[in-house]
Amino acid sequence: MLFLSRSDLEKLLSMREVIESVERAFLELYNGKAKVPLRIMIEIEKYNGFILYMPSFLGDSEALAVKVVSLYPENTKKGLPTVLASILLNDPKTGVPLALMEGTYITAMRTGAASGVATKYLARKDSKIVGIIGAGVQARTQLWAVYEVRDIEKTLVYDINPENAKKFAEEMSKKFGIEIKTVESAKEAVEKSDILIVATTAREPVVKGEWIREGTHINSIGWVGRNARELDSETVRRSKLVVDSKEGALNEAGDIIIPMKEGVIEESHIYAELGEIVAGVKKGREDNKEITLFKSVGLAIEDAITAKLAYEKALERGVGTNVEF
């Protein structure tokens, strides 16, 4: 069995290739070629954490994998990532374990890639300014993905911890050679953006609908369960709402569940799943004035196809460590 560490994966995966793979996975899902059981979630109330078990199989891509991922928002106080994960990839023909790999990096890459796919179909073609709320690990791959699908000239970043925002701006401006500025409020980031990335562990809204200007596209990836959210109800109401999985969003996304409970929106407010748009069954952005929102809860197919890509590239390049199982 092949073991792939984070440093191995950083050498193997490019965002452009992951976006292409994730887009293909959504198409397979729409075409009924994927098996994706609703993930099992265990809440560890004592430590304010979640553990999720996420299996999936993509028939055309022959990607069979299970991810175990944890979400512990308070890990930042301990100097640890809020998201930690591992992925086991199996051979669908025999069930033999093929690879065990660090899953936190893959989670960040595939989550960014899913937003990249959504941005490709939903953001205005002339989008130039990206606003970011939450300057953690996820925000880095979110910006990377948006940068791959739009000609971005400037980025504004806000974090509740100004030092995090400053570090993000310094690091990512070097990586992409674009202007990245810190701002003093979430409101400023929202009001000046063509594309807004919201990647927080907030339990109460950090974005208000009244701040959002016409034509904005929003990628919301913060997720802390049914009873918490990072967007207010007005943001969701004003938006053309696209989700990665309707079943997953209605079961897990407080950003959608709470406005439904308030009577602000109904289930029919969900315009489409991303796979429907990729398949061309429903249109993405239809004019330059509509506000579009992609709400992501994360799908195991994204992990499986990214893990398969990493494994294949590792075999080609001779990367990784072979271990006895």
Protein backbone atom coordinates (compact mmCIF):
# COMPACT_ATOMS: atom_id res chain seq x y z
CA MET A 1 0.00 0.00 0.00
CA LEU A 2 1.23 3.48 -0.85
CA PHE A 3 1.42 6.15 1.83
CA LEU A 4 1.20 9.76 0.67
CA SER A 5 2.09 12.55 3.09
CA ARG A 6 1.05 16.15 2.84
CA SER A 7 4.41 17.09 1.33
CA ASP A 8 3.94 14.35 -1.28
CA LEU A 9 0.51 15.69 -2.18
CA GLU A 10 1.76 19.27 -2.44
CA LYS A 11 4.20 18.08 -5.11
CA LEU A 12 1.56 16.10 -7.01
CA LEU A 13 -1.60 18.20 -7.16
CA SER A 14 -2.23 21.32 -9.21
CA MET A 15 -5.44 23.26 -8.71
CA ARG A 16 -6.25 23.31 -12.41
CA GLU A 17 -6.19 19.50 -12.59
CA VAL A 18 -8.21 19.15 -9.39
CA ILE A 19 -10.87 21.55 -10.72
CA GLU A 20 -11.14 19.47 -13.90
CA SER A 21 -11.43 16.26 -11.88
CA VAL A 22 -14.03 17.65 -9.47
CA GLU A 23 -16.09 19.02 -12.35
CA ARG A 24 -16.06 15.53 -13.90
CA ALA A 25 -17.14 14.04 -10.57
CA PHE A 26 -20.20 16.34 -10.42
CA LEU A 27 -21.10 15.30 -13.95
CA GLU A 28 -20.85 11.63 -12.99
CA LEU A 29 -23.02 12.31 -9.95
CA TYR A 30 -25.69 13.95 -12.08
CA ASN A 31 -25.59 11.07 -14.58
CA GLY A 32 -26.22 8.51 -11.83
CA LYS A 33 -22.72 7.04 -12.02
CA ALA A 34 -21.84 7.71 -8.38
CA LYS A 35 -22.73 6.13 -5.06
CA VAL A 36 -22.62 8.65 -2.24
CA PRO A 37 -24.22 7.54 1.04
CA LEU A 38 -25.15 10.41 3.34
CA ARG A 39 -22.11 10.88 5.50
CA ILE A 40 -22.10 9.73 9.09
CA MET A 41 -21.49 12.53 11.56
CA ILE A 42 -20.68 12.17 15.24
CA GLU A 43 -20.78 15.34 17.30
CA ILE A 44 -18.36 15.43 20.21
CA GLU A 45 -20.17 18.02 22.31
CA LYS A 46 -17.70 17.84 25.19
CA TYR A 47 -14.94 19.22 22.97
CA ASN A 48 -17.07 21.22 20.49
CA GLY A 49 -16.06 18.99 17.61
CA PHE A 50 -17.39 16.82 14.81
CA ILE A 51 -16.12 13.61 13.20
CA LEU A 52 -17.43 12.64 9.77
CA TYR A 53 -17.12 9.39 7.81
CA MET A 54 -17.49 9.95 4.08
CA PRO A 55 -17.50 6.99 1.65
CA SER A 56 -18.13 7.20 -2.10
CA PHE A 57 -17.64 5.42 -5.42
CA LEU A 58 -17.45 6.95 -8.89
CA GLY A 59 -18.23 4.33 -11.51
CA ASP A 60 -16.74 5.91 -14.62
CA SER A 61 -13.62 7.17 -12.85
CA GLU A 62 -13.33 3.97 -10.77
CA ALA A 63 -12.56 6.00 -7.67
CA LEU A 64 -13.46 4.23 -4.42
CA ALA A 65 -12.51 5.92 -1.16
CA VAL A 66 -13.51 6.83 2.36
CA LYS A 67 -12.46 9.96 4.20
CA VAL A 68 -12.46 10.44 7.95
CA VAL A 69 -12.47 14.14 8.74
CA SER A 70 -12.75 16.14 11.93
CA LEU A 71 -13.88 19.74 12.44
CA TYR A 72 -12.81 21.35 15.70
CA PRO A 73 -13.29 25.16 15.53
CA GLU A 74 -11.40 25.73 18.79
CA ASN A 75 -8.23 24.06 17.48
CA THR A 76 -6.97 27.49 16.42
CA LYS A 77 -6.43 28.28 20.12
CA LYS A 78 -4.16 25.23 20.34
CA GLY A 79 -2.15 25.98 17.23
CA LEU A 80 -3.83 23.16 15.32
CA PRO A 81 -5.82 23.15 12.06
CA THR A 82 -9.59 23.24 12.51
CA VAL A 83 -9.93 20.49 9.88
CA LEU A 84 -7.91 17.23 9.99
CA ALA A 85 -8.46 14.26 7.71
CA SER A 86 -7.17 11.00 6.27
CA ILE A 87 -8.28 9.15 3.12
CA LEU A 88 -8.18 5.45 2.26
CA LEU A 89 -8.30 4.63 -1.46
CA ASN A 90 -9.33 1.10 -2.49
CA ASP A 91 -9.22 -0.83 -5.75
CA PRO A 92 -12.89 -1.17 -6.83
CA LYS A 93 -12.10 -4.40 -8.70
CA THR A 94 -10.69 -6.27 -5.69
CA GLY A 95 -11.27 -4.12 -2.61
CA VAL A 96 -7.52 -4.10 -1.99
CA PRO A 97 -6.31 -0.95 -0.18
CA LEU A 98 -4.24 1.04 -2.66
CA ALA A 99 -3.21 4.09 -0.69
CA LEU A 100 -3.55 5.89 2.61
CA MET A 101 -3.04 9.61 2.35
CA GLU A 102 -3.13 12.77 4.39
CA GLY A 103 -6.59 14.15 3.81
CA THR A 104 -6.46 17.69 5.16
CA TYR A 105 -4.61 18.98 2.11
CA ILE A 106 -6.90 17.06 -0.23
CA THR A 107 -9.91 18.49 1.63
CA ALA A 108 -8.61 22.02 1.12
CA MET A 109 -7.80 21.36 -2.54
CA ARG A 110 -11.08 19.70 -3.45
CA THR A 111 -13.14 22.27 -1.51
CA GLY A 112 -11.36 25.02 -3.35
CA ALA A 113 -11.86 23.16 -6.62
CA ALA A 114 -15.62 22.79 -6.06
CA SER A 115 -15.85 26.54 -5.53
CA GLY A 116 -13.72 26.96 -8.64
CA VAL A 117 -16.25 24.95 -10.64
CA ALA A 118 -19.12 27.00 -9.18
CA THR A 119 -17.29 30.26 -9.91
CA LYS A 120 -16.68 29.17 -13.50
CA TYR A 121 -20.42 28.89 -14.10
CA LEU A 122 -21.83 31.51 -11.72
CA ALA A 123 -19.46 34.49 -11.44
CA ARG A 124 -19.51 37.35 -13.91
CA LYS A 125 -16.92 36.96 -16.66
CA ASP A 126 -15.56 40.43 -15.90
CA SER A 127 -15.04 39.79 -12.18
CA LYS A 128 -11.79 41.41 -11.04
CA ILE A 129 -11.97 41.84 -7.25
CA VAL A 130 -12.21 39.01 -4.74
CA GLY A 131 -13.23 39.58 -1.13
CA ILE A 132 -12.30 37.02 1.51
CA ILE A 133 -13.75 36.69 5.00
CA GLY A 134 -11.75 34.21 7.07
CA ALA A 135 -8.03 33.91 6.29
CA GLY A 136 -7.48 30.28 7.29
CA VAL A 137 -6.20 27.25 5.39
CA GLN A 138 -9.35 26.88 3.32
CA ALA A 139 -9.22 30.49 2.12
CA ARG A 140 -5.87 29.85 0.44
CA THR A 141 -7.14 27.13 -1.87
CA GLN A 142 -10.40 29.01 -2.39
CA LEU A 143 -8.49 31.98 -3.77
CA TRP A 144 -6.23 29.69 -5.80
CA ALA A 145 -9.27 28.10 -7.45
CA VAL A 146 -10.97 31.41 -8.21
CA TYR A 147 -7.68 32.68 -9.64
CA GLU A 148 -7.65 29.69 -12.04
CA VAL A 149 -11.07 30.49 -13.54
CA ARG A 150 -11.19 34.31 -13.54
CA ASP A 151 -8.69 37.10 -14.29
CA ILE A 152 -8.38 38.48 -10.78
CA GLU A 153 -6.58 41.80 -10.29
CA LYS A 154 -7.12 42.52 -6.60
CA THR A 155 -8.07 40.72 -3.37
CA LEU A 156 -9.39 42.15 -0.11
CA VAL A 157 -9.10 40.00 2.99
CA TYR A 158 -10.65 40.30 6.44
CA ASP A 159 -10.13 38.07 9.45
CA ILE A 160 -11.28 38.50 13.02
CA ASN A 161 -7.56 38.15 13.85
CA PRO A 162 -5.74 40.94 11.95
CA GLU A 163 -2.45 39.04 12.09
CA ASN A 164 -4.00 36.14 10.18
CA ALA A 165 -5.20 38.52 7.47
CA LYS A 166 -1.77 40.17 7.24
CA LYS A 167 0.01 36.83 6.93
CA PHE A 168 -2.47 35.68 4.29
CA ALA A 169 -1.98 38.85 2.25
CA GLU A 170 1.81 38.57 2.33
CA GLU A 171 1.88 34.88 1.45
CA MET A 172 -0.73 34.85 -1.30
CA SER A 173 0.39 38.06 -3.01
CA LYS A 174 3.79 36.41 -3.52
CA LYS A 175 2.16 33.22 -4.79
CA PHE A 176 -0.08 34.85 -7.40
CA GLY A 177 1.60 38.17 -8.06
CA ILE A 178 -1.62 40.09 -7.46
CA GLU A 179 -2.51 42.91 -5.11
CA ILE A 180 -3.88 41.64 -1.79
CA LYS A 181 -4.92 44.14 0.87
CA THR A 182 -6.24 43.66 4.37
CA VAL A 183 -9.44 45.49 5.30
CA GLU A 184 -10.81 46.43 8.69
CA SER A 185 -14.28 44.92 8.44
CA ALA A 186 -16.25 42.16 6.79
CA LYS A 187 -18.58 44.85 5.46
CA GLU A 188 -15.79 46.49 3.50
CA ALA A 189 -14.73 43.17 1.97
CA VAL A 190 -18.31 42.44 0.91
CA GLU A 191 -19.18 45.84 -0.50
CA LYS A 192 -16.16 46.08 -2.79
CA SER A 193 -16.12 42.54 -4.19
CA ASP A 194 -17.20 40.93 -7.44
CA ILE A 195 -16.59 37.48 -5.96
CA LEU A 196 -16.90 36.87 -2.22
CA ILE A 197 -15.32 33.91 -0.42
CA VAL A 198 -16.71 33.22 3.06
CA ALA A 199 -14.60 30.61 4.82
CA THR A 200 -15.20 30.95 8.54
CA THR A 201 -16.03 28.88 11.59
CA ALA A 202 -18.60 31.49 12.63
CA ARG A 203 -21.76 30.38 14.38
CA GLU A 204 -23.51 33.71 13.81
CA PRO A 205 -23.73 35.59 10.48
CA VAL A 206 -20.68 37.59 9.41
CA VAL A 207 -22.30 38.69 6.12
CA LYS A 208 -25.44 40.79 5.81
CA GLY A 209 -27.57 40.83 2.69
CA GLU A 210 -27.83 44.61 2.68
CA TRP A 211 -24.06 44.84 2.04
CA ILE A 212 -24.08 42.80 -1.15
CA ARG A 213 -24.15 44.63 -4.45
CA GLU A 214 -25.80 43.41 -7.64
CA GLY A 215 -23.78 40.96 -9.71
CA THR A 216 -21.81 39.49 -6.82
CA HIS A 217 -21.02 35.78 -6.68
CA ILE A 218 -20.57 34.20 -3.24
CA ASN A 219 -18.81 30.96 -2.33
CA SER A 220 -19.79 29.99 1.23
CA ILE A 221 -17.86 27.04 2.64
CA GLY A 222 -18.04 27.61 6.39
CA TRP A 223 -19.80 24.72 8.05
CA VAL A 224 -20.49 24.06 11.73
CA GLY A 225 -23.80 22.22 11.62
CA ARG A 226 -27.54 22.79 11.45
CA ASN A 227 -27.74 25.47 14.11
CA ALA A 228 -24.95 27.79 13.00
CA ARG A 229 -24.31 29.93 9.93
CA GLU A 230 -22.01 32.54 8.41
CA LEU A 231 -24.61 34.22 6.12
CA ASP A 232 -27.72 36.02 7.29
CA SER A 233 -31.15 35.13 5.94
CA GLU A 234 -31.33 38.21 3.71
CA THR A 235 -28.15 37.14 1.89
CA VAL A 236 -29.68 33.77 1.10
CA ARG A 237 -33.04 35.28 0.14
CA ARG A 238 -31.49 37.70 -2.33
CA SER A 239 -29.36 35.03 -3.98
CA LYS A 240 -29.77 32.51 -6.75
CA LEU A 241 -28.89 29.53 -4.56
CA VAL A 242 -26.84 26.60 -5.86
CA VAL A 243 -25.69 23.73 -3.62
CA ASP A 244 -23.34 20.81 -4.07
CA SER A 245 -25.97 18.42 -2.70
CA LYS A 246 -29.57 19.32 -1.95
CA GLU A 247 -29.92 16.42 0.47
CA GLY A 248 -26.72 17.36 2.26
CA ALA A 249 -27.59 21.06 2.43
CA LEU A 250 -31.09 20.43 3.81
CA ASN A 251 -29.68 18.07 6.43
CA GLU A 252 -26.56 19.94 7.48
CA ALA A 253 -26.30 23.58 6.32
CA GLY A 254 -27.49 26.07 8.92
CA ASP A 255 -27.14 28.80 6.30
CA ILE A 256 -30.13 27.24 4.54
CA ILE A 257 -31.95 25.46 7.36
CA ILE A 258 -32.26 28.55 9.58
CA PRO A 259 -33.82 30.85 6.92
CA MET A 260 -36.27 28.02 6.13
CA LYS A 261 -37.25 27.76 9.80
CA GLU A 262 -37.72 31.53 9.89
CA GLY A 263 -40.02 31.34 6.87
CA VAL A 264 -37.74 33.61 4.83
CA ILE A 265 -37.23 30.97 2.11
CA GLU A 266 -38.75 27.64 1.16
CA GLU A 267 -37.00 24.50 -0.07
CA SER A 268 -37.85 25.58 -3.63
CA HIS A 269 -35.45 28.53 -3.20
CA ILE A 270 -32.62 26.09 -3.98
CA TYR A 271 -32.25 26.76 -7.69
CA ALA A 272 -29.99 23.83 -8.58
CA GLU A 273 -27.35 21.36 -7.57
CA LEU A 274 -23.96 22.10 -9.08
CA GLY A 275 -24.09 18.88 -11.11
CA GLU A 276 -27.21 20.09 -12.91
CA ILE A 277 -25.39 23.22 -14.02
CA VAL A 278 -22.25 21.33 -15.08
CA ALA A 279 -24.46 18.97 -17.12
CA GLY A 280 -26.16 21.93 -18.81
CA VAL A 281 -29.61 20.97 -17.53
CA LYS A 282 -29.92 24.31 -15.74
CA LYS A 283 -28.26 27.60 -16.59
CA GLY A 284 -25.64 29.19 -14.40
CA ARG A 285 -25.45 32.98 -14.33
CA GLU A 286 -28.06 34.47 -16.64
CA ASP A 287 -27.32 38.20 -16.33
CA ASN A 288 -24.82 40.56 -14.75
CA LYS A 289 -27.17 41.81 -12.04
CA GLU A 290 -28.19 38.63 -10.24
CA ILE A 291 -26.53 37.65 -6.99
CA THR A 292 -25.39 34.03 -7.08
CA LEU A 293 -24.55 31.88 -4.07
CA PHE A 294 -22.80 28.53 -3.96
CA LYS A 295 -23.29 26.85 -0.59
CA SER A 296 -20.94 23.95 -0.08
CA VAL A 297 -21.22 21.27 2.59
CA GLY A 298 -18.71 19.00 0.84
CA LEU A 299 -19.25 15.73 -1.00
CA ALA A 300 -17.24 12.54 -0.71
CA ILE A 301 -17.02 12.24 -4.51
CA GLU A 302 -14.73 15.28 -4.45
CA ASP A 303 -12.36 13.48 -2.09
CA ALA A 304 -12.49 10.19 -3.99
CA ILE A 305 -11.67 11.65 -7.39
CA THR A 306 -8.92 13.89 -5.99
CA ALA A 307 -7.40 10.95 -4.11
CA LYS A 308 -7.49 8.88 -7.31
CA LEU A 309 -5.76 11.70 -9.20
CA ALA A 310 -3.06 11.95 -6.51
CA TYR A 311 -2.52 8.19 -6.53
CA GLU A 312 -2.16 7.99 -10.31
CA LYS A 313 0.27 10.91 -10.39
CA ALA A 314 2.25 9.37 -7.51
CA LEU A 315 2.69 6.14 -9.50
CA GLU A 316 3.80 8.10 -12.57
CA ARG A 317 6.39 10.11 -10.64
CA GLY A 318 7.52 7.52 -8.12
CA VAL A 319 6.33 9.64 -5.17
CA GLY A 320 5.25 8.20 -1.80
CA THR A 321 6.27 5.41 0.56
CA ASN A 322 5.28 1.80 0.07
CA VAL A 323 4.24 0.17 3.36
CA GLU A 324 3.20 -3.35 4.34
CA PHE A 325 -0.50 -3.51 5.19
